[in-house]
Each structure stands twice: as C-alpha cells, then as structure tokens.
Amino acid sequence: MGLSHLAIDSNGRKIENPRFLKRAQQNLKRKQKALSRCQKGSANRAKARLLVAKAHERVANARHDFQHKLSRQIVDDNQAVIVETLKVKNMMKNARLAKHIGDASWYALTTKLDYKAKEQGKHLVKIAPWFASSKTCHVCQHKRDAMPLNVRSWECPACHTQHDRDINAALNIKHQGIVKLKAEGLSVSAHGGLRKSGTSPAAA
C-alpha cells in the first residue's frame, strides 16, 4: 500500500490513489471559511456547520464506495489476499503526511478485504510490519541495509535484478503469505488455488 498508488499487487498492477479529500479541499476550505465568518450561536452558523458536515460526509462516502468496489474485485479475483500491516499510528505522527495517510485510509481498506474474504470462505493473510518487503530482493533474498522512501527503483547488488520498489515489495509480501498459508496446512497449486493438505480443495 502507498500514497501515490493506493495499492500495488504482485502482478504489477498499480491502483491510483483517488485522493478524495485533496480533490474536495477547495470546496471544504470555502465552506469552512464561511462558517468561521458566521456569528456564534446564530442560525446562519448552524446552517454553515451543516454544509461543512455534508461536504465531509460526501468525501467519506466516495472513499467508502471506491474501497468497497476495489475490495470486492480483489476478493472475487483471488483465492487468498495477502496484505502488509502498516504502523499507521506511528506514520500519522509525520505532520507532512498525516492528512494524506488519513485520506488513503489503508486500515479501512484492509478491514473491507478481511470481512469480504471471510464471507466467501477465502483467506486474508496479514504480514507483520517488521518484514522488510521493500529492501529485500524477491529473486535471491539479498537484503539491503537501508532504503530511503525516495528510492523508487534499485538494482540488487547480489543478482543484479532491477526492481521497482513497490512491485518487489508486493512479490515479497505474496511469498511470505504463501509461507504462512502452508504453515496452516494449505498448499498452493500451480494455478493459484488453495488445497487443504490431504483433503479436497479448500472453499477459497
């Protein structure tokens, strides 16, 4: 998951971040300015406050609608969904990024993926935040010591594979998720389906 792209999958598909709050910023700013000019306790202030609340509600509704459609597509198209777990609370301490992180609402998307997967008897696997998905080569597993956020592509010094940072991370997250699924007694077939060891195909 990211800010430029809301989600990046292991097939290399990058889903643009709609940035609903940013798109509505001018309208919200205008309505909040009108609210601040109204006299406290007046009927006009109450009306202006309602307009601000409705503008925020439209942003939230647009975000929820987008995430519902995206999570439905992801769950319908896959036998299992593997996601990274981000330390959102810690990331929100960055004043420069906090508003953008809140607008992306990664936690809400993961929640929707989780219950939609459960409804279909499918699997959602969460990868721990300490897993170094970005700076580990998915080909040879060489791990770099550090990788600043501004590095979007890199070459593995061990096997010389060129990596897109986000796609490489998605592939590592997928591989780690498969390891966890196998540990739970599920084996991954060649076509990507899941089988319970020693039983018929899992309902996934």
C-alpha atoms as a PDB file:
ATOM      1  CA  MET A   1       0.000   0.000   0.000  1.00  0.00           C
ATOM      2  CA  GLY A   2       1.152   3.542  -0.644  1.00  0.00           C
ATOM      3  CA  LEU A   3       0.207   7.164  -1.190  1.00  0.00           C
ATOM      4  CA  SER A   4       0.984   7.745  -4.880  1.00  0.00           C
ATOM      5  CA  HIS A   5      -0.706   4.427  -5.561  1.00  0.00           C
ATOM      6  CA  LEU A   6      -3.234   3.154  -3.044  1.00  0.00           C
ATOM      7  CA  ALA A   7      -2.318  -0.476  -3.688  1.00  0.00           C
ATOM      8  CA  ILE A   8       0.239  -2.379  -5.752  1.00  0.00           C
ATOM      9  CA  ASP A   9      -0.261  -6.089  -6.419  1.00  0.00           C
ATOM     10  CA  SER A  10       2.174  -8.902  -7.177  1.00  0.00           C
ATOM     11  CA  ASN A  11       1.135  -8.902 -10.850  1.00  0.00           C
ATOM     12  CA  GLY A  12       2.498  -5.375 -11.189  1.00  0.00           C
ATOM     13  CA  ARG A  13      -0.891  -3.642 -11.226  1.00  0.00           C
ATOM     14  CA  LYS A  14      -0.818  -0.214  -9.575  1.00  0.00           C
ATOM     15  CA  ILE A  15      -4.127   1.235  -8.372  1.00  0.00           C
ATOM     16  CA  GLU A  16      -4.147   5.019  -8.333  1.00  0.00           C
ATOM     17  CA  ASN A  17      -4.901   6.741  -5.060  1.00  0.00           C
ATOM     18  CA  PRO A  18      -8.136   8.721  -5.679  1.00  0.00           C
ATOM     19  CA  ARG A  19      -7.198  11.346  -3.042  1.00  0.00           C
ATOM     20  CA  PHE A  20     -10.838  12.218  -2.329  1.00  0.00           C
ATOM     21  CA  LEU A  21     -10.002  14.709   0.429  1.00  0.00           C
ATOM     22  CA  LYS A  22      -7.471  16.562  -1.719  1.00  0.00           C
ATOM     23  CA  ARG A  23      -9.973  16.813  -4.590  1.00  0.00           C
ATOM     24  CA  ALA A  24     -12.597  18.263  -2.253  1.00  0.00           C
ATOM     25  CA  GLN A  25     -10.148  20.606  -0.491  1.00  0.00           C
ATOM     26  CA  GLN A  26     -11.195  23.825  -2.243  1.00  0.00           C
ATOM     27  CA  ASN A  27     -14.884  23.213  -1.606  1.00  0.00           C
ATOM     28  CA  LEU A  28     -14.210  22.341   2.053  1.00  0.00           C
ATOM     29  CA  LYS A  29     -11.977  25.372   2.535  1.00  0.00           C
ATOM     30  CA  ARG A  30     -14.644  27.685   1.113  1.00  0.00           C
ATOM     31  CA  LYS A  31     -17.365  26.255   3.357  1.00  0.00           C
ATOM     32  CA  GLN A  32     -15.140  26.295   6.464  1.00  0.00           C
ATOM     33  CA  LYS A  33     -14.226  29.920   5.768  1.00  0.00           C
ATOM     34  CA  ALA A  34     -17.921  30.815   5.511  1.00  0.00           C
ATOM     35  CA  LEU A  35     -18.518  29.026   8.813  1.00  0.00           C
ATOM     36  CA  SER A  36     -15.738  30.952  10.573  1.00  0.00           C
ATOM     37  CA  ARG A  37     -17.309  34.261   9.463  1.00  0.00           C
ATOM     38  CA  CYS A  38     -20.703  33.424  10.995  1.00  0.00           C
ATOM     39  CA  GLN A  39     -21.606  34.720  14.435  1.00  0.00           C
ATOM     40  CA  LYS A  40     -21.508  32.066  17.161  1.00  0.00           C
ATOM     41  CA  GLY A  41     -24.952  30.839  18.146  1.00  0.00           C
ATOM     42  CA  SER A  42     -26.631  32.255  15.022  1.00  0.00           C
ATOM     43  CA  ALA A  43     -28.951  30.321  12.691  1.00  0.00           C
ATOM     44  CA  ASN A  44     -26.589  31.054   9.788  1.00  0.00           C
ATOM     45  CA  ARG A  45     -23.704  29.436  11.699  1.00  0.00           C
ATOM     46  CA  ALA A  46     -25.787  26.320  12.265  1.00  0.00           C
ATOM     47  CA  LYS A  47     -26.561  26.159   8.533  1.00  0.00           C
ATOM     48  CA  ALA A  48     -22.897  26.696   7.614  1.00  0.00           C
ATOM     49  CA  ARG A  49     -21.817  23.965  10.057  1.00  0.00           C
ATOM     50  CA  LEU A  50     -24.284  21.574   8.406  1.00  0.00           C
ATOM     51  CA  LEU A  51     -22.861  22.386   4.948  1.00  0.00           C
ATOM     52  CA  VAL A  52     -19.328  21.611   6.177  1.00  0.00           C
ATOM     53  CA  ALA A  53     -20.515  18.336   7.723  1.00  0.00           C
ATOM     54  CA  LYS A  54     -22.274  17.322   4.492  1.00  0.00           C
ATOM     55  CA  ALA A  55     -19.138  18.084   2.451  1.00  0.00           C
ATOM     56  CA  HIS A  56     -17.068  15.837   4.738  1.00  0.00           C
ATOM     57  CA  GLU A  57     -19.745  13.150   4.510  1.00  0.00           C
ATOM     58  CA  ARG A  58     -19.594  13.205   0.697  1.00  0.00           C
ATOM     59  CA  VAL A  59     -15.826  12.697   0.849  1.00  0.00           C
ATOM     60  CA  ALA A  60     -16.216   9.770   3.265  1.00  0.00           C
ATOM     61  CA  ASN A  61     -18.989   8.203   1.168  1.00  0.00           C
ATOM     62  CA  ALA A  62     -16.932   8.467  -2.039  1.00  0.00           C
ATOM     63  CA  ARG A  63     -13.941   6.855  -0.308  1.00  0.00           C
ATOM     64  CA  HIS A  64     -16.052   4.019   1.142  1.00  0.00           C
ATOM     65  CA  ASP A  65     -17.734   3.372  -2.226  1.00  0.00           C
ATOM     66  CA  PHE A  66     -14.368   3.182  -4.010  1.00  0.00           C
ATOM     67  CA  GLN A  67     -12.906   0.864  -1.381  1.00  0.00           C
ATOM     68  CA  HIS A  68     -15.972  -1.393  -1.377  1.00  0.00           C
ATOM     69  CA  LYS A  69     -15.737  -1.848  -5.156  1.00  0.00           C
ATOM     70  CA  LEU A  70     -11.957  -2.354  -5.084  1.00  0.00           C
ATOM     71  CA  SER A  71     -12.049  -4.855  -2.192  1.00  0.00           C
ATOM     72  CA  ARG A  72     -14.874  -6.768  -3.869  1.00  0.00           C
ATOM     73  CA  GLN A  73     -12.866  -7.058  -7.102  1.00  0.00           C
ATOM     74  CA  ILE A  74      -9.716  -8.180  -5.275  1.00  0.00           C
ATOM     75  CA  VAL A  75     -11.530 -10.832  -3.224  1.00  0.00           C
ATOM     76  CA  ASP A  76     -13.571 -12.104  -6.186  1.00  0.00           C
ATOM     77  CA  ASP A  77     -10.461 -12.457  -8.365  1.00  0.00           C
ATOM     78  CA  ASN A  78      -8.234 -14.281  -5.859  1.00  0.00           C
ATOM     79  CA  GLN A  79      -8.219 -17.396  -3.703  1.00  0.00           C
ATOM     80  CA  ALA A  80      -6.273 -15.606  -0.961  1.00  0.00           C
ATOM     81  CA  VAL A  81      -5.349 -11.995  -0.248  1.00  0.00           C
ATOM     82  CA  ILE A  82      -2.055 -11.135   1.437  1.00  0.00           C
ATOM     83  CA  VAL A  83      -1.530  -7.627   2.781  1.00  0.00           C
ATOM     84  CA  GLU A  84       1.186  -5.778   4.642  1.00  0.00           C
ATOM     85  CA  THR A  85       0.379  -4.425   8.100  1.00  0.00           C
ATOM     86  CA  LEU A  86       1.456  -0.816   8.441  1.00  0.00           C
ATOM     87  CA  LYS A  87       2.157   1.078  11.674  1.00  0.00           C
ATOM     88  CA  VAL A  88      -0.362   3.782  10.766  1.00  0.00           C
ATOM     89  CA  LYS A  89      -0.355   5.434  14.217  1.00  0.00           C
ATOM     90  CA  ASN A  90       3.396   5.958  14.031  1.00  0.00           C
ATOM     91  CA  MET A  91       3.189   7.197  10.444  1.00  0.00           C
ATOM     92  CA  MET A  92       0.466   9.698  11.384  1.00  0.00           C
ATOM     93  CA  LYS A  93       3.000  11.457  13.636  1.00  0.00           C
ATOM     94  CA  ASN A  94       4.568  12.835  10.451  1.00  0.00           C
ATOM     95  CA  ALA A  95       2.687  16.154  10.159  1.00  0.00           C
ATOM     96  CA  ARG A  96       3.546  16.461   6.447  1.00  0.00           C
ATOM     97  CA  LEU A  97       1.988  13.091   5.577  1.00  0.00           C
ATOM     98  CA  ALA A  98      -0.746  12.687   8.209  1.00  0.00           C
ATOM     99  CA  LYS A  99      -3.555  14.201   6.122  1.00  0.00           C
ATOM    100  CA  HIS A 100      -2.614  12.123   3.046  1.00  0.00           C
ATOM    101  CA  ILE A 101      -2.380   8.923   5.109  1.00  0.00           C
ATOM    102  CA  GLY A 102      -5.793   9.611   6.635  1.00  0.00           C
ATOM    103  CA  ASP A 103      -7.224  10.212   3.166  1.00  0.00           C
ATOM    104  CA  ALA A 104      -5.790   6.913   1.859  1.00  0.00           C
ATOM    105  CA  SER A 105      -7.423   5.069   4.785  1.00  0.00           C
ATOM    106  CA  TRP A 106      -5.420   1.835   4.430  1.00  0.00           C
ATOM    107  CA  TYR A 107      -6.893   0.326   7.598  1.00  0.00           C
ATOM    108  CA  ALA A 108     -10.458   0.718   6.279  1.00  0.00           C
ATOM    109  CA  LEU A 109      -9.484  -0.995   3.011  1.00  0.00           C
ATOM    110  CA  THR A 110      -7.880  -3.906   4.878  1.00  0.00           C
ATOM    111  CA  THR A 111     -10.995  -4.243   7.053  1.00  0.00           C
ATOM    112  CA  LYS A 112     -13.201  -4.466   3.960  1.00  0.00           C
ATOM    113  CA  LEU A 113     -10.889  -7.075   2.414  1.00  0.00           C
ATOM    114  CA  ASP A 114     -10.987  -9.061   5.650  1.00  0.00           C
ATOM    115  CA  TYR A 115     -14.738  -9.431   6.044  1.00  0.00           C
ATOM    116  CA  LYS A 116     -15.374  -9.885   2.323  1.00  0.00           C
ATOM    117  CA  ALA A 117     -12.821 -12.722   2.259  1.00  0.00           C
ATOM    118  CA  LYS A 118     -14.469 -14.349   5.279  1.00  0.00           C
ATOM    119  CA  GLU A 119     -17.896 -14.098   3.624  1.00  0.00           C
ATOM    120  CA  GLN A 120     -16.576 -16.176   0.705  1.00  0.00           C
ATOM    121  CA  GLY A 121     -14.607 -18.611   2.845  1.00  0.00           C
ATOM    122  CA  LYS A 122     -11.369 -17.207   1.496  1.00  0.00           C
ATOM    123  CA  HIS A 123      -8.154 -16.295   3.279  1.00  0.00           C
ATOM    124  CA  LEU A 124      -6.746 -12.909   4.261  1.00  0.00           C
ATOM    125  CA  VAL A 125      -3.152 -13.071   5.500  1.00  0.00           C
ATOM    126  CA  LYS A 126      -1.572 -10.098   7.289  1.00  0.00           C
ATOM    127  CA  ILE A 127       2.203  -9.693   7.144  1.00  0.00           C
ATOM    128  CA  ALA A 128       3.915  -8.158  10.171  1.00  0.00           C
ATOM    129  CA  PRO A 129       5.171  -4.555   9.778  1.00  0.00           C
ATOM    130  CA  TRP A 130       8.755  -5.534  10.616  1.00  0.00           C
ATOM    131  CA  PHE A 131       9.005  -7.638   7.428  1.00  0.00           C
ATOM    132  CA  ALA A 132      11.497  -5.869   5.117  1.00  0.00           C
ATOM    133  CA  SER A 133       9.443  -6.214   1.933  1.00  0.00           C
ATOM    134  CA  SER A 134      10.871  -3.185   0.095  1.00  0.00           C
ATOM    135  CA  LYS A 135      14.584  -3.716   0.655  1.00  0.00           C
ATOM    136  CA  THR A 136      14.717  -7.494   0.139  1.00  0.00           C
ATOM    137  CA  CYS A 137      15.316  -8.835  -3.373  1.00  0.00           C
ATOM    138  CA  HIS A 138      12.423 -11.179  -4.208  1.00  0.00           C
ATOM    139  CA  VAL A 139      14.708 -13.153  -6.571  1.00  0.00           C
ATOM    140  CA  CYS A 140      17.707 -14.005  -4.366  1.00  0.00           C
ATOM    141  CA  GLN A 141      16.529 -12.724  -0.941  1.00  0.00           C
ATOM    142  CA  HIS A 142      19.507 -10.368  -0.571  1.00  0.00           C
ATOM    143  CA  LYS A 143      18.566  -7.708   1.991  1.00  0.00           C
ATOM    144  CA  ARG A 144      19.816  -4.150   1.765  1.00  0.00           C
ATOM    145  CA  ASP A 145      20.764  -2.369   4.981  1.00  0.00           C
ATOM    146  CA  ALA A 146      18.607   0.673   4.282  1.00  0.00           C
ATOM    147  CA  MET A 147      16.341   2.145   1.626  1.00  0.00           C
ATOM    148  CA  PRO A 148      15.051   5.734   1.914  1.00  0.00           C
ATOM    149  CA  LEU A 149      11.477   6.403   0.777  1.00  0.00           C
ATOM    150  CA  ASN A 150      12.681   8.474  -2.185  1.00  0.00           C
ATOM    151  CA  VAL A 151      14.320   5.380  -3.761  1.00  0.00           C
ATOM    152  CA  ARG A 152      11.631   4.054  -6.107  1.00  0.00           C
ATOM    153  CA  SER A 153      13.782   1.610  -8.103  1.00  0.00           C
ATOM    154  CA  TRP A 154      17.008  -0.227  -7.347  1.00  0.00           C
ATOM    155  CA  GLU A 155      19.388  -2.919  -8.557  1.00  0.00           C
ATOM    156  CA  CYS A 156      20.142  -5.904  -6.356  1.00  0.00           C
ATOM    157  CA  PRO A 157      23.918  -5.910  -5.718  1.00  0.00           C
ATOM    158  CA  ALA A 158      23.888  -9.714  -5.401  1.00  0.00           C
ATOM    159  CA  CYS A 159      21.984 -10.893  -8.508  1.00  0.00           C
ATOM    160  CA  HIS A 160      21.783  -7.576 -10.436  1.00  0.00           C
ATOM    161  CA  THR A 161      17.996  -7.766 -10.870  1.00  0.00           C
ATOM    162  CA  GLN A 162      16.368  -4.390 -11.499  1.00  0.00           C
ATOM    163  CA  HIS A 163      13.482  -3.735  -9.115  1.00  0.00           C
ATOM    164  CA  ASP A 164      10.514  -1.427  -8.996  1.00  0.00           C
ATOM    165  CA  ARG A 165      10.396  -0.803  -5.247  1.00  0.00           C
ATOM    166  CA  ASP A 166       6.632  -1.340  -4.850  1.00  0.00           C
ATOM    167  CA  ILE A 167       6.265  -4.359  -7.146  1.00  0.00           C
ATOM    168  CA  ASN A 168       9.262  -6.017  -5.478  1.00  0.00           C
ATOM    169  CA  ALA A 169       7.620  -5.415  -2.079  1.00  0.00           C
ATOM    170  CA  ALA A 170       4.319  -6.874  -3.317  1.00  0.00           C
ATOM    171  CA  LEU A 171       6.083 -10.024  -4.542  1.00  0.00           C
ATOM    172  CA  ASN A 172       7.855 -10.440  -1.204  1.00  0.00           C
ATOM    173  CA  ILE A 173       4.565  -9.980   0.663  1.00  0.00           C
ATOM    174  CA  LYS A 174       2.952 -12.620  -1.573  1.00  0.00           C
ATOM    175  CA  HIS A 175       5.778 -15.115  -0.966  1.00  0.00           C
ATOM    176  CA  GLN A 176       5.684 -14.518   2.789  1.00  0.00           C
ATOM    177  CA  GLY A 177       1.912 -15.013   2.780  1.00  0.00           C
ATOM    178  CA  ILE A 178       2.236 -18.318   0.937  1.00  0.00           C
ATOM    179  CA  VAL A 179       4.694 -19.490   3.612  1.00  0.00           C
ATOM    180  CA  LYS A 180       2.102 -18.627   6.296  1.00  0.00           C
ATOM    181  CA  LEU A 181      -0.695 -20.387   4.381  1.00  0.00           C
ATOM    182  CA  LYS A 182       1.419 -23.542   4.064  1.00  0.00           C
ATOM    183  CA  ALA A 183       2.152 -23.403   7.794  1.00  0.00           C
ATOM    184  CA  GLU A 184      -1.620 -23.519   8.342  1.00  0.00           C
ATOM    185  CA  GLY A 185      -1.873 -26.683   6.243  1.00  0.00           C
ATOM    186  CA  LEU A 186      -2.830 -25.055   2.939  1.00  0.00           C
ATOM    187  CA  SER A 187      -0.783 -25.791  -0.165  1.00  0.00           C
ATOM    188  CA  VAL A 188      -0.791 -23.520  -3.194  1.00  0.00           C
ATOM    189  CA  SER A 189      -1.432 -25.236  -6.522  1.00  0.00           C
ATOM    190  CA  ALA A 190       0.165 -24.257  -9.828  1.00  0.00           C
ATOM    191  CA  HIS A 191      -2.951 -22.333 -10.884  1.00  0.00           C
ATOM    192  CA  GLY A 192      -3.026 -20.355  -7.634  1.00  0.00           C
ATOM    193  CA  GLY A 193      -5.815 -22.235  -5.870  1.00  0.00           C
ATOM    194  CA  LEU A 194      -5.574 -23.450  -2.307  1.00  0.00           C
ATOM    195  CA  ARG A 195      -5.755 -27.036  -1.098  1.00  0.00           C
ATOM    196  CA  LYS A 196      -6.098 -28.331   2.412  1.00  0.00           C
ATOM    197  CA  SER A 197      -3.408 -30.934   2.919  1.00  0.00           C
ATOM    198  CA  GLY A 198      -4.906 -34.405   2.449  1.00  0.00           C
ATOM    199  CA  THR A 199      -8.404 -33.138   1.664  1.00  0.00           C
ATOM    200  CA  SER A 200     -10.427 -31.776  -1.223  1.00  0.00           C
ATOM    201  CA  PRO A 201      -9.809 -28.185  -2.487  1.00  0.00           C
ATOM    202  CA  ALA A 202     -10.485 -25.584   0.182  1.00  0.00           C
ATOM    203  CA  ALA A 203     -13.551 -23.410  -0.212  1.00  0.00           C
ATOM    204  CA  ALA A 204     -11.473 -20.390  -1.116  1.00  0.00           C
END
